[in-house]
Protein backbone atom coordinates (compact mmCIF):
# COMPACT_ATOMS: atom_id res chain seq x y z
CA MET A 1 -21.06 112.67 -141.91
CA GLY A 2 -20.95 109.52 -139.87
CA THR A 3 -21.82 109.24 -136.08
CA PRO A 4 -18.36 110.07 -134.11
CA ARG A 5 -16.58 108.09 -131.99
CA THR A 6 -16.69 108.36 -128.32
CA GLY A 7 -13.67 107.07 -126.34
CA ALA A 8 -11.50 105.60 -129.53
CA ARG A 9 -9.30 107.35 -131.60
CA ALA A 10 -10.70 107.89 -135.20
CA GLY A 11 -10.19 104.66 -137.68
CA THR A 12 -8.62 102.21 -135.51
CA GLY A 13 -11.45 100.91 -134.13
CA LEU A 14 -9.22 100.20 -130.69
CA ARG A 15 -10.90 101.71 -127.01
CA ARG A 16 -8.97 104.40 -125.40
CA VAL A 17 -7.94 103.13 -121.99
CA ALA A 18 -7.31 105.02 -118.67
CA PRO A 19 -3.59 105.47 -118.14
CA THR A 20 -2.18 103.87 -114.88
CA VAL A 21 -2.14 106.37 -112.18
CA ARG A 22 0.83 105.76 -109.60
CA PRO A 23 0.93 107.45 -106.43
CA ALA A 24 4.47 109.41 -105.79
CA THR A 25 6.53 109.16 -102.86
CA PRO A 26 6.83 112.37 -101.00
CA GLY A 27 9.41 114.60 -102.52
CA LEU A 28 9.33 112.42 -105.83
CA ARG A 29 7.55 112.38 -108.83
CA ALA A 30 5.71 109.24 -109.50
CA GLY A 31 8.10 108.10 -112.24
CA ALA A 32 11.22 108.73 -110.10
CA ALA A 33 9.35 107.12 -107.15
CA THR A 34 8.71 104.11 -109.13
CA ALA A 35 12.41 103.89 -110.52
CA ALA A 36 13.76 104.29 -106.86
CA ALA A 37 11.54 101.48 -106.35
CA ARG A 38 12.83 98.92 -108.84
CA ARG A 39 16.37 99.84 -107.95
CA ALA A 40 15.98 99.16 -103.98
CA ASP A 41 14.12 95.44 -104.85
CA ALA A 42 16.80 94.63 -107.49
CA SER A 43 19.74 94.88 -105.09
CA GLY A 44 17.89 93.69 -102.23
CA THR A 45 17.94 96.47 -99.83
CA THR A 46 14.11 96.35 -99.09
CA SER A 47 13.86 92.93 -99.63
CA THR A 48 11.98 90.59 -97.09
CA ALA A 49 13.31 87.74 -97.79
CA ASP A 50 17.21 89.72 -97.40
CA ALA A 51 15.95 90.66 -94.35
CA ARG A 52 14.58 87.06 -93.16
CA VAL A 53 18.88 85.81 -93.86
CA MET A 54 20.52 88.78 -92.35
CA THR A 55 18.55 88.26 -89.33
CA GLY A 56 19.40 83.97 -88.99
CA VAL A 57 22.69 84.64 -90.30
CA THR A 58 22.88 87.39 -86.99
CA VAL A 59 21.59 84.55 -84.79
CA VAL A 60 24.34 82.62 -85.31
CA ILE A 61 27.18 84.99 -84.98
CA VAL A 62 25.76 85.88 -81.48
CA ALA A 63 25.52 82.28 -81.13
CA LEU A 64 29.56 81.62 -82.16
CA THR A 65 30.10 84.59 -80.11
CA VAL A 66 27.71 86.07 -77.11
CA LEU A 67 26.71 82.63 -76.52
CA GLN A 68 30.10 80.68 -77.16
CA ARG A 69 30.81 79.65 -73.64
CA PHE A 70 27.29 78.46 -73.13
CA ALA A 71 26.00 74.81 -72.89
CA LEU A 72 23.23 72.36 -72.39
CA PRO A 73 23.47 70.36 -69.59
CA LEU A 74 22.40 66.81 -71.23
CA GLY A 75 24.44 64.27 -69.91
CA SER A 76 27.55 65.61 -71.58
CA PRO A 77 27.26 69.45 -72.39
CA VAL A 78 26.55 70.28 -75.67
CA PRO A 79 26.43 73.81 -77.31
CA VAL A 80 23.92 75.93 -77.34
CA THR A 81 25.21 76.57 -81.00
CA ILE A 82 23.99 73.41 -82.27
CA PRO A 83 20.18 74.18 -81.54
CA VAL A 84 20.54 77.36 -82.60
CA VAL A 85 21.85 77.17 -85.73
CA ALA A 86 19.03 74.18 -86.44
CA ALA A 87 16.38 76.94 -85.31
CA VAL A 88 17.88 79.24 -88.20
CA LEU A 89 18.07 76.59 -90.88
CA GLY A 90 14.99 75.24 -90.20
CA TYR A 91 13.46 78.84 -90.30
CA LEU A 92 15.16 80.34 -93.43
CA ALA A 93 14.21 76.72 -95.46
CA TYR A 94 10.84 76.99 -94.19
CA HIS A 95 10.72 80.39 -96.22
CA GLY A 96 12.15 79.20 -98.75
CA HIS A 97 15.82 81.24 -98.24
CA VAL A 98 18.02 78.03 -97.88
CA ARG A 99 18.60 74.89 -99.87
CA ASP A 100 20.95 71.74 -99.98
CA ASP A 101 23.31 71.49 -102.32
CA GLY A 102 23.60 68.49 -104.21
CA ALA A 103 27.07 67.96 -104.44
CA SER A 104 27.61 68.99 -100.64
CA VAL A 105 25.16 66.36 -99.70
CA ARG A 106 26.74 63.54 -102.12
CA THR A 107 29.85 63.75 -100.24
CA TYR A 108 28.40 64.42 -97.02
CA ALA A 109 26.87 60.53 -97.51
CA LEU A 110 30.58 59.49 -98.51
CA ALA A 111 32.22 60.49 -96.18
CA MET A 112 29.94 60.28 -93.11
CA GLY A 113 29.40 56.64 -94.42
CA ALA A 114 32.66 56.01 -94.61
CA LEU A 115 33.24 57.31 -91.20
CA THR A 116 30.59 54.94 -89.90
CA VAL A 117 31.91 51.65 -91.21
CA PHE A 118 35.49 52.33 -89.59
CA ALA A 119 33.89 53.36 -86.29
CA LEU A 120 31.60 50.73 -86.05
CA VAL A 121 35.31 48.11 -86.87
CA ASP A 122 36.68 49.69 -84.38
CA ILE A 123 33.54 49.22 -81.47
CA VAL A 124 33.28 45.62 -82.97
CA TRP A 125 36.76 44.65 -83.23
CA ARG A 126 39.00 46.65 -80.94
CA GLY A 127 35.97 46.87 -78.27
CA THR A 128 36.77 50.95 -78.19
CA GLY A 129 34.68 54.06 -79.70
CA SER A 130 31.97 56.27 -78.86
CA LEU A 131 28.38 56.26 -80.80
CA THR A 132 27.39 59.81 -79.47
CA SER A 133 30.94 60.87 -80.68
CA LEU A 134 30.38 59.56 -83.88
CA LEU A 135 26.55 60.92 -83.68
CA LEU A 136 27.55 63.89 -82.48
CA LEU A 137 29.98 64.26 -86.02
CA VAL A 138 27.39 63.44 -88.14
CA VAL A 139 24.46 65.97 -86.80
CA THR A 140 27.37 68.82 -86.60
CA TRP A 141 28.48 68.48 -89.96
CA ALA A 142 25.22 68.26 -91.72
CA ALA A 143 24.31 72.04 -91.26
CA LEU A 144 27.33 72.51 -93.88
CA CYS A 145 25.01 71.22 -96.36
CA PHE A 146 23.01 74.01 -96.92
CA ARG A 147 23.13 77.25 -99.46
CA VAL A 148 21.20 80.48 -99.39
CA ASP A 149 18.98 80.96 -102.31
CA GLU A 150 21.19 82.53 -105.02
CA ARG A 151 19.02 85.49 -104.85
CA ARG A 152 20.43 85.71 -101.30
CA LEU A 153 23.82 85.72 -101.98
CA HIS A 154 24.63 89.10 -102.87
CA LEU A 155 24.47 89.50 -98.93
CA PHE A 156 27.84 88.05 -98.06
CA PRO A 157 29.58 91.17 -97.84
CA ARG A 158 27.07 92.88 -95.46
CA VAL A 159 27.23 89.49 -93.58
CA GLN A 160 31.35 89.75 -93.45
CA ARG A 161 30.83 93.55 -91.99
CA ARG A 162 28.47 92.34 -89.40
CA PHE A 163 30.89 89.53 -88.10
CA GLU A 164 34.03 92.16 -88.20
CA THR A 165 31.52 94.74 -86.24
CA PHE A 166 30.85 92.07 -83.55
CA MET A 167 34.53 90.95 -83.39
CA LEU A 168 35.22 94.85 -83.27
CA VAL A 169 33.16 95.12 -80.04
CA PHE A 170 34.86 92.22 -78.74
CA ALA A 171 37.74 93.67 -79.62
CA ALA A 172 37.62 96.70 -77.60
CA ILE A 173 37.02 95.28 -74.70
CA GLY A 174 40.00 92.52 -75.09
CA ILE A 175 41.80 95.83 -74.99
CA LEU A 176 40.44 97.26 -72.35
CA GLN A 177 40.57 94.63 -70.08
CA VAL A 178 44.47 94.16 -70.90
CA LEU A 179 45.05 98.03 -70.26
CA LEU A 180 43.01 98.28 -67.17
CA GLN A 181 44.85 95.67 -65.80
CA PHE A 182 48.25 96.78 -66.67
CA ALA A 183 47.15 100.09 -65.09
CA GLY A 184 46.13 98.81 -61.60
CA ILE A 185 43.03 99.88 -62.20
CA TRP A 186 40.97 96.73 -62.29
CA SER A 187 41.21 92.97 -61.47
CA TYR A 188 39.97 90.48 -63.75
CA THR A 189 36.61 89.14 -62.88
CA ASP A 190 35.34 86.50 -64.95
CA LEU A 191 32.05 88.41 -65.61
CA LEU A 192 30.08 85.40 -67.20
CA ARG A 193 30.90 83.10 -64.85
CA SER A 194 29.97 85.13 -61.65
CA VAL A 195 26.32 85.78 -63.06
CA VAL A 196 25.52 82.28 -65.18
CA PRO A 197 24.69 79.18 -63.19
CA ARG A 198 27.73 77.02 -63.56
CA ASN A 199 26.23 73.73 -65.36
CA LEU A 200 24.97 75.82 -68.13
CA LEU A 201 28.37 77.02 -69.06
CA PHE A 202 31.12 75.08 -70.72
CA GLN A 203 33.99 73.56 -67.84
CA GLY A 204 37.72 72.10 -69.02
CA TYR A 205 39.06 75.00 -70.79
CA ASN A 206 41.36 77.56 -70.22
CA THR A 207 39.01 80.82 -70.30
CA SER A 208 41.50 82.80 -67.89
CA TYR A 209 44.75 82.44 -67.37
CA PRO A 210 47.78 85.02 -67.05
CA ILE A 211 50.22 86.35 -69.70
CA GLU A 212 53.23 84.58 -68.13
CA TYR A 213 53.69 82.43 -65.37
CA GLY A 214 53.28 84.48 -61.86
CA SER A 215 52.19 87.26 -63.47
CA PRO A 216 48.48 88.81 -62.16
CA VAL A 217 47.31 90.27 -65.99
CA ILE A 218 45.31 87.49 -67.56
CA LYS A 219 44.91 87.54 -70.92
CA ALA A 220 42.10 89.02 -73.35
CA ASN A 221 39.60 87.16 -73.83
CA ALA A 222 36.54 89.64 -74.12
CA PHE A 223 34.65 87.74 -71.29
CA VAL A 224 32.45 85.55 -73.96
CA PHE A 225 35.05 83.48 -76.00
CA VAL A 226 35.97 79.89 -74.47
CA GLU A 227 39.95 80.53 -74.23
CA PRO A 228 42.01 83.82 -75.54
CA SER A 229 43.65 81.25 -78.46
CA VAL A 230 40.01 81.10 -79.76
CA PHE A 231 39.10 84.71 -79.36
CA SER A 232 42.57 85.46 -81.03
CA GLN A 233 41.91 82.99 -84.20
CA PHE A 234 38.40 84.61 -84.05
CA LEU A 235 40.26 88.10 -84.27
CA ALA A 236 42.37 86.94 -87.02
CA LEU A 237 39.59 85.36 -88.67
CA ALA A 238 37.76 88.97 -88.98
CA LEU A 239 41.19 90.72 -90.16
CA LEU A 240 41.19 88.78 -92.98
CA SER A 241 37.82 89.32 -93.68
CA VAL A 242 38.75 92.84 -94.11
CA LEU A 243 41.74 92.38 -96.30
CA SER A 244 39.73 90.16 -98.19
CA ARG A 245 36.76 92.67 -98.75
CA GLY A 246 39.23 95.40 -99.61
CA LYS A 247 37.92 98.27 -97.14
CA GLU A 248 37.54 99.85 -94.05
CA TYR A 249 41.08 99.17 -93.45
CA TRP A 250 41.26 100.86 -90.06
CA ARG A 251 39.16 97.92 -88.63
CA VAL A 252 42.93 96.12 -89.42
CA ALA A 253 44.50 97.85 -86.49
CA VAL A 254 41.46 97.61 -83.85
CA PHE A 255 41.83 93.58 -85.04
CA ALA A 256 45.88 93.13 -84.47
CA VAL A 257 46.18 95.37 -81.41
CA ALA A 258 42.97 93.49 -79.87
CA LEU A 259 45.51 90.31 -81.45
CA VAL A 260 48.87 91.04 -79.31
CA CYS A 261 46.29 91.44 -76.21
CA THR A 262 45.38 88.09 -76.15
CA VAL A 263 49.56 86.82 -76.08
CA THR A 264 48.83 83.73 -77.80
CA GLY A 265 50.51 81.83 -80.87
CA THR A 266 47.21 80.33 -82.40
CA GLY A 267 45.93 83.32 -84.05
CA ILE A 268 48.49 84.96 -85.24
CA MET A 269 48.98 81.25 -86.90
CA VAL A 270 45.82 81.80 -88.85
CA LEU A 271 46.39 85.53 -89.46
CA GLY A 272 50.07 84.42 -91.19
CA PHE A 273 48.27 81.18 -93.30
CA GLY A 274 45.88 83.85 -94.48
CA LEU A 275 48.06 86.09 -95.63
CA MET A 276 50.24 83.57 -97.50
CA ILE A 277 47.05 82.71 -99.12
CA LEU A 278 45.97 86.04 -100.16
CA ALA A 279 49.80 86.85 -101.18
CA VAL A 280 49.51 83.79 -103.76
CA ARG A 281 46.36 85.30 -105.13
CA ARG A 282 46.79 89.51 -104.90
CA GLY A 283 50.32 89.04 -106.39
CA GLY A 284 53.44 89.98 -105.86
CA LEU A 285 52.98 93.73 -105.55
CA TRP A 286 50.09 93.36 -102.42
CA ALA A 287 52.71 90.58 -100.93
CA VAL A 288 55.36 93.30 -100.72
CA ARG A 289 52.97 95.90 -99.53
CA ALA A 290 51.98 93.21 -96.91
CA ALA A 291 55.41 92.22 -95.58
CA VAL A 292 56.20 95.90 -95.41
CA VAL A 293 53.34 96.95 -92.93
CA LEU A 294 53.82 93.02 -91.31
CA ALA A 295 57.22 94.22 -90.56
CA VAL A 296 56.09 97.41 -88.86
CA ALA A 297 53.30 96.37 -87.30
CA GLY A 298 55.75 93.82 -85.37
CA VAL A 299 57.61 96.06 -84.67
CA ALA A 300 55.01 97.87 -82.91
CA ALA A 301 54.23 94.41 -81.08
CA LEU A 302 57.17 93.99 -79.56
CA LEU A 303 57.91 97.22 -78.52
CA SER A 304 54.43 96.89 -76.51
CA PRO A 305 54.77 95.88 -72.77
CA VAL A 306 53.67 92.11 -73.75
CA GLY A 307 56.57 92.29 -76.57
CA PRO A 308 59.17 90.60 -74.45
CA ILE A 309 56.08 87.51 -73.62
CA LEU A 310 55.73 87.05 -77.09
CA LEU A 311 59.35 86.99 -78.33
CA SER A 312 60.51 84.50 -75.86
CA ARG A 313 57.12 82.32 -77.19
CA THR A 314 59.08 81.91 -80.85
CA GLY A 315 60.88 78.99 -79.96
CA GLU A 316 58.29 77.28 -77.79
CA ALA A 317 57.19 74.72 -79.94
CA GLY A 318 60.82 72.91 -80.11
CA GLN A 319 61.18 73.06 -76.09
CA THR A 320 59.97 69.99 -74.46
CA ASN A 321 56.61 69.86 -72.57
CA SER A 322 55.79 73.72 -73.23
CA SER A 323 52.28 74.74 -75.08
CA GLY A 324 53.49 74.98 -78.20
CA SER A 325 54.93 71.52 -78.19
CA LEU A 326 52.29 70.07 -76.71
CA ARG A 327 50.05 71.29 -79.25
CA PHE A 328 51.74 70.99 -82.13
CA VAL A 329 54.62 68.51 -81.81
CA GLN A 330 53.79 65.69 -79.02
CA PRO A 331 50.21 65.23 -80.72
CA TYR A 332 51.89 63.86 -84.50
CA GLU A 333 54.86 62.09 -82.66
CA TYR A 334 52.37 60.12 -80.43
CA LEU A 335 49.76 59.55 -83.87
CA LEU A 336 53.25 58.11 -85.68
CA GLY A 337 54.38 56.00 -82.62
CA ARG A 338 50.98 54.64 -82.85
CA TRP A 339 50.97 53.73 -86.56
CA SER A 340 54.18 52.21 -85.84
CA SER A 341 53.38 49.67 -83.08
CA ASP A 342 49.62 49.33 -84.57
CA PRO A 343 49.68 49.58 -88.65
CA TRP A 344 46.17 48.85 -88.61
CA SER A 345 45.22 51.78 -86.78
CA ILE A 346 46.27 53.96 -90.19
CA LEU A 347 43.21 52.35 -91.97
CA THR A 348 40.52 52.03 -89.48
CA GLY A 349 41.88 54.27 -86.31
CA LEU A 350 41.04 53.66 -83.05
CA GLY A 351 37.25 54.56 -82.70
CA PRO A 352 35.39 57.84 -82.25
CA GLY A 353 36.49 59.49 -78.82
CA GLN A 354 39.46 58.13 -78.29
CA ALA A 355 41.93 60.89 -79.04
CA ASP A 356 40.00 62.50 -75.86
CA ARG A 357 40.47 58.92 -73.55
CA ILE A 358 43.91 59.19 -74.56
CA SER A 359 44.37 62.92 -73.64
CA ASP A 360 43.21 61.97 -70.47
CA ALA A 361 45.16 59.65 -69.69
CA ILE A 362 48.55 60.95 -70.30
CA PHE A 363 47.44 64.23 -68.09
CA ALA A 364 47.07 61.73 -65.37
CA GLU A 365 49.70 59.69 -65.77
CA THR A 366 52.54 62.77 -66.25
CA GLY A 367 49.95 65.84 -65.85
CA LEU A 368 50.84 67.21 -69.23
CA PRO A 369 47.70 68.80 -70.94
CA ILE A 370 48.69 67.05 -74.39
CA SER A 371 45.55 68.46 -77.22
CA PHE A 372 44.96 66.74 -80.27
CA ALA A 373 44.08 69.12 -82.98
CA GLY A 374 41.21 68.78 -85.33
CA ALA A 375 43.03 67.07 -88.21
CA VAL A 376 45.18 64.44 -85.95
CA LYS A 377 42.41 63.87 -84.00
CA MET A 378 40.10 63.10 -86.90
CA VAL A 379 43.15 60.48 -88.35
CA LEU A 380 43.56 59.00 -85.40
CA GLU A 381 39.95 58.54 -84.49
CA TYR A 382 39.03 57.24 -87.84
CA GLY A 383 42.06 56.34 -90.09
CA VAL A 384 44.02 57.63 -93.14
CA PRO A 385 41.12 56.91 -95.59
CA ALA A 386 37.97 58.11 -93.94
CA SER A 387 39.63 61.09 -93.05
CA VAL A 388 40.34 61.97 -96.60
CA LEU A 389 36.98 61.73 -97.40
CA ALA A 390 36.35 64.15 -94.83
CA GLY A 391 38.79 66.26 -96.36
CA VAL A 392 37.19 65.82 -99.68
CA PHE A 393 33.63 66.74 -98.34
CA LEU A 394 35.29 69.69 -96.28
CA TYR A 395 36.42 70.99 -100.08
CA VAL A 396 33.27 70.52 -101.54
CA ALA A 397 31.13 72.34 -99.00
CA VAL A 398 33.63 75.10 -98.01
CA VAL A 399 35.92 75.80 -100.36
CA ARG A 400 35.01 75.24 -103.61
CA ARG A 401 33.36 78.11 -104.92
CA SER A 402 33.63 79.69 -101.86
CA PRO A 403 32.67 83.77 -101.78
CA ALA A 404 35.76 84.56 -99.95
CA PRO A 405 38.50 81.59 -100.43
CA THR A 406 40.77 83.12 -98.49
CA VAL A 407 38.53 83.45 -95.28
CA ALA A 408 37.26 79.66 -95.94
CA LEU A 409 40.37 78.44 -96.01
CA ALA A 410 41.93 79.82 -92.85
CA ALA A 411 38.56 78.96 -91.27
CA ILE A 412 39.41 75.76 -92.27
CA PHE A 413 42.75 75.37 -90.84
CA LEU A 414 41.55 77.18 -87.48
CA ASN A 415 39.87 74.05 -86.79
CA ALA A 416 42.06 71.52 -88.22
CA VAL A 417 45.20 72.53 -87.29
CA THR A 418 45.43 75.32 -84.36
CA SER A 419 42.09 74.20 -82.25
CA SER A 420 40.39 70.72 -81.69
CA SER A 421 36.82 71.91 -82.73
CA PHE A 422 35.99 69.35 -85.19
CA LEU A 423 33.35 68.57 -83.12
CA ALA A 424 33.09 72.21 -81.08
CA ALA A 425 29.62 73.51 -83.10
CA ASN A 426 30.60 77.05 -81.17
CA ILE A 427 34.03 77.22 -83.07
CA PHE A 428 32.97 74.82 -86.22
CA TYR A 429 29.87 76.82 -86.74
CA VAL A 430 32.07 79.86 -88.11
CA LEU A 431 32.46 78.10 -91.16
CA LEU A 432 28.24 78.38 -91.97
CA PRO A 433 28.22 82.75 -91.96
CA MET A 434 31.78 83.16 -93.55
CA ALA A 435 31.77 80.77 -96.08
CA VAL A 436 29.45 77.62 -96.47
CA LEU A 437 26.17 79.44 -96.99
CA PHE A 438 27.33 81.79 -99.50
CA VAL A 439 28.80 79.07 -101.74
CA GLY A 440 28.31 80.06 -105.09
CA ARG A 441 29.37 83.76 -105.65
CA ARG A 442 32.96 84.84 -105.83
CA THR A 443 33.28 88.14 -104.12
CA GLU A 444 36.90 87.73 -103.61
CA LEU A 445 39.46 88.43 -106.60
CA SER A 446 42.66 87.10 -107.67
CA VAL A 447 44.98 88.95 -109.47
CA TRP A 448 44.36 86.35 -112.39
CA GLU A 449 40.05 86.20 -111.80
CA ARG A 450 40.31 90.10 -111.83
CA GLN A 451 42.11 90.50 -115.19
CA ARG A 452 39.82 87.91 -116.84
CA ARG A 453 37.09 89.74 -116.05
CA GLN A 454 38.38 92.85 -117.28
CA ASP A 455 39.22 91.25 -120.46
CA GLU A 456 35.49 89.67 -120.68
CA GLN A 457 34.57 93.39 -120.16
CA SER A 458 36.88 95.00 -122.58
CA PRO A 459 35.65 95.73 -126.18
CA GLY A 460 37.71 93.49 -128.66
CA PRO A 461 38.33 94.38 -132.16
CA LEU A 462 35.82 95.61 -134.21
CA ALA A 463 34.49 92.75 -136.39
CA ALA A 464 31.96 92.84 -139.03
CA PRO A 465 28.62 91.75 -138.08
CA PHE A 466 28.28 89.54 -141.05
CA PRO A 467 30.76 87.90 -143.73
CA VAL A 468 31.37 90.52 -146.50
CA THR A 469 32.38 89.14 -149.88
CA VAL A 470 34.44 91.81 -152.04
CA PRO A 471 33.87 91.75 -155.52
CA SER A 472 36.52 91.00 -158.25
CA TRP A 473 36.17 93.42 -159.90
CA ILE A 474 37.10 96.22 -157.02
CA PRO A 475 41.06 97.14 -156.96
CA THR A 476 42.88 96.40 -153.55
CA PRO A 477 45.44 98.22 -151.82
CA GLY A 478 47.75 96.00 -153.46
CA GLY A 479 46.97 96.31 -157.17
CA THR A 480 45.67 92.78 -157.16
CA ARG A 481 42.37 91.96 -158.06
């Protein structure tokens, strides 16, 4: 008899390894606790990196809403949003949660290079243009070149919901503002201006003005938005975000009521644009359902106390010197007239910052506050070729591979058509949390994308794993060999 081996399996020569013992979570066995931890880590719900990204994006949303009216008194006011966004991107980049996107960087360099060349041509040749305005554009748009790490892309639905939650709070405030005024319980007071020093707030915006001429009721602005129109556009964006997620539809009703309380048409334009995109992407059945709901909502809005006012503004764009005409008709007429008298401006533009100077000159001469939207302003100041390249950059940085194309396109429409905010970071940067930072993971699927995924996931026809050769001596069903 040989000497028995201690701590080894007989005949194997292998030493026995002591089993690893993991502490169990109270109430769970060790195996269940380990499985739960792995599932939580895979979903990102307990990830420190996820928490950092969500905190950073939340700070950006606060800057876009709560701090939208705040400015740094640096000669000309600078939106607080710019240093806040720079700090957030720097913090996330330091921890490795944000990276630059190569395609966006290349198109950004091409677009900004063209804008700079034509701006310098105007400054040297025409003697018009502002280097400060050009620099502000270059700095502001640089933020669109960044993306969160691919492992954090799954956070986008949570970011959407976070933005919607903020807007729900402001929607409730806006509704109360109008209801209390109609009830005679409260008269509008700009609470923010009564607390914050004047030099720390943006001036020159129509922050508070009545629902119609001579009315004591002031349009809803939730106190923190620079204008009721901007408030309405953010509400429309939040509403479209809910529709793109396809969950918590009760939020749509709150946003719709608040949108009516702003008594402005620009938010309705953003909403209508987004609904058209959704109708194309979701298919005919969805479009029919949406049309029915929209018709019911429209009737309810017209029956509200502000309904007659909204109805009276439907043909405003065709009325001379009306608010709609000053925003959506006369700027384009001026642009076409300028091209006719100065054809070179089609190529080079008039120089950065000139649109604001023209608006000020028209107001001083006629008293009419003409407003150039973002797209018209870009073409007027930099010319058509450079503006086209800027549009290509927006497509690459914002729309291409966007997680929610409807929201991304509506946000661009907001900045390009319904407001003049390509240089207003406190509005323009809504593109960051709602599109740019999470480009690369599609969460809003079109009807054909959904069908393709179903086809890919459905089992195909059965096939042999390898070719099979049937011997010639085996009879076939037809009787041949």
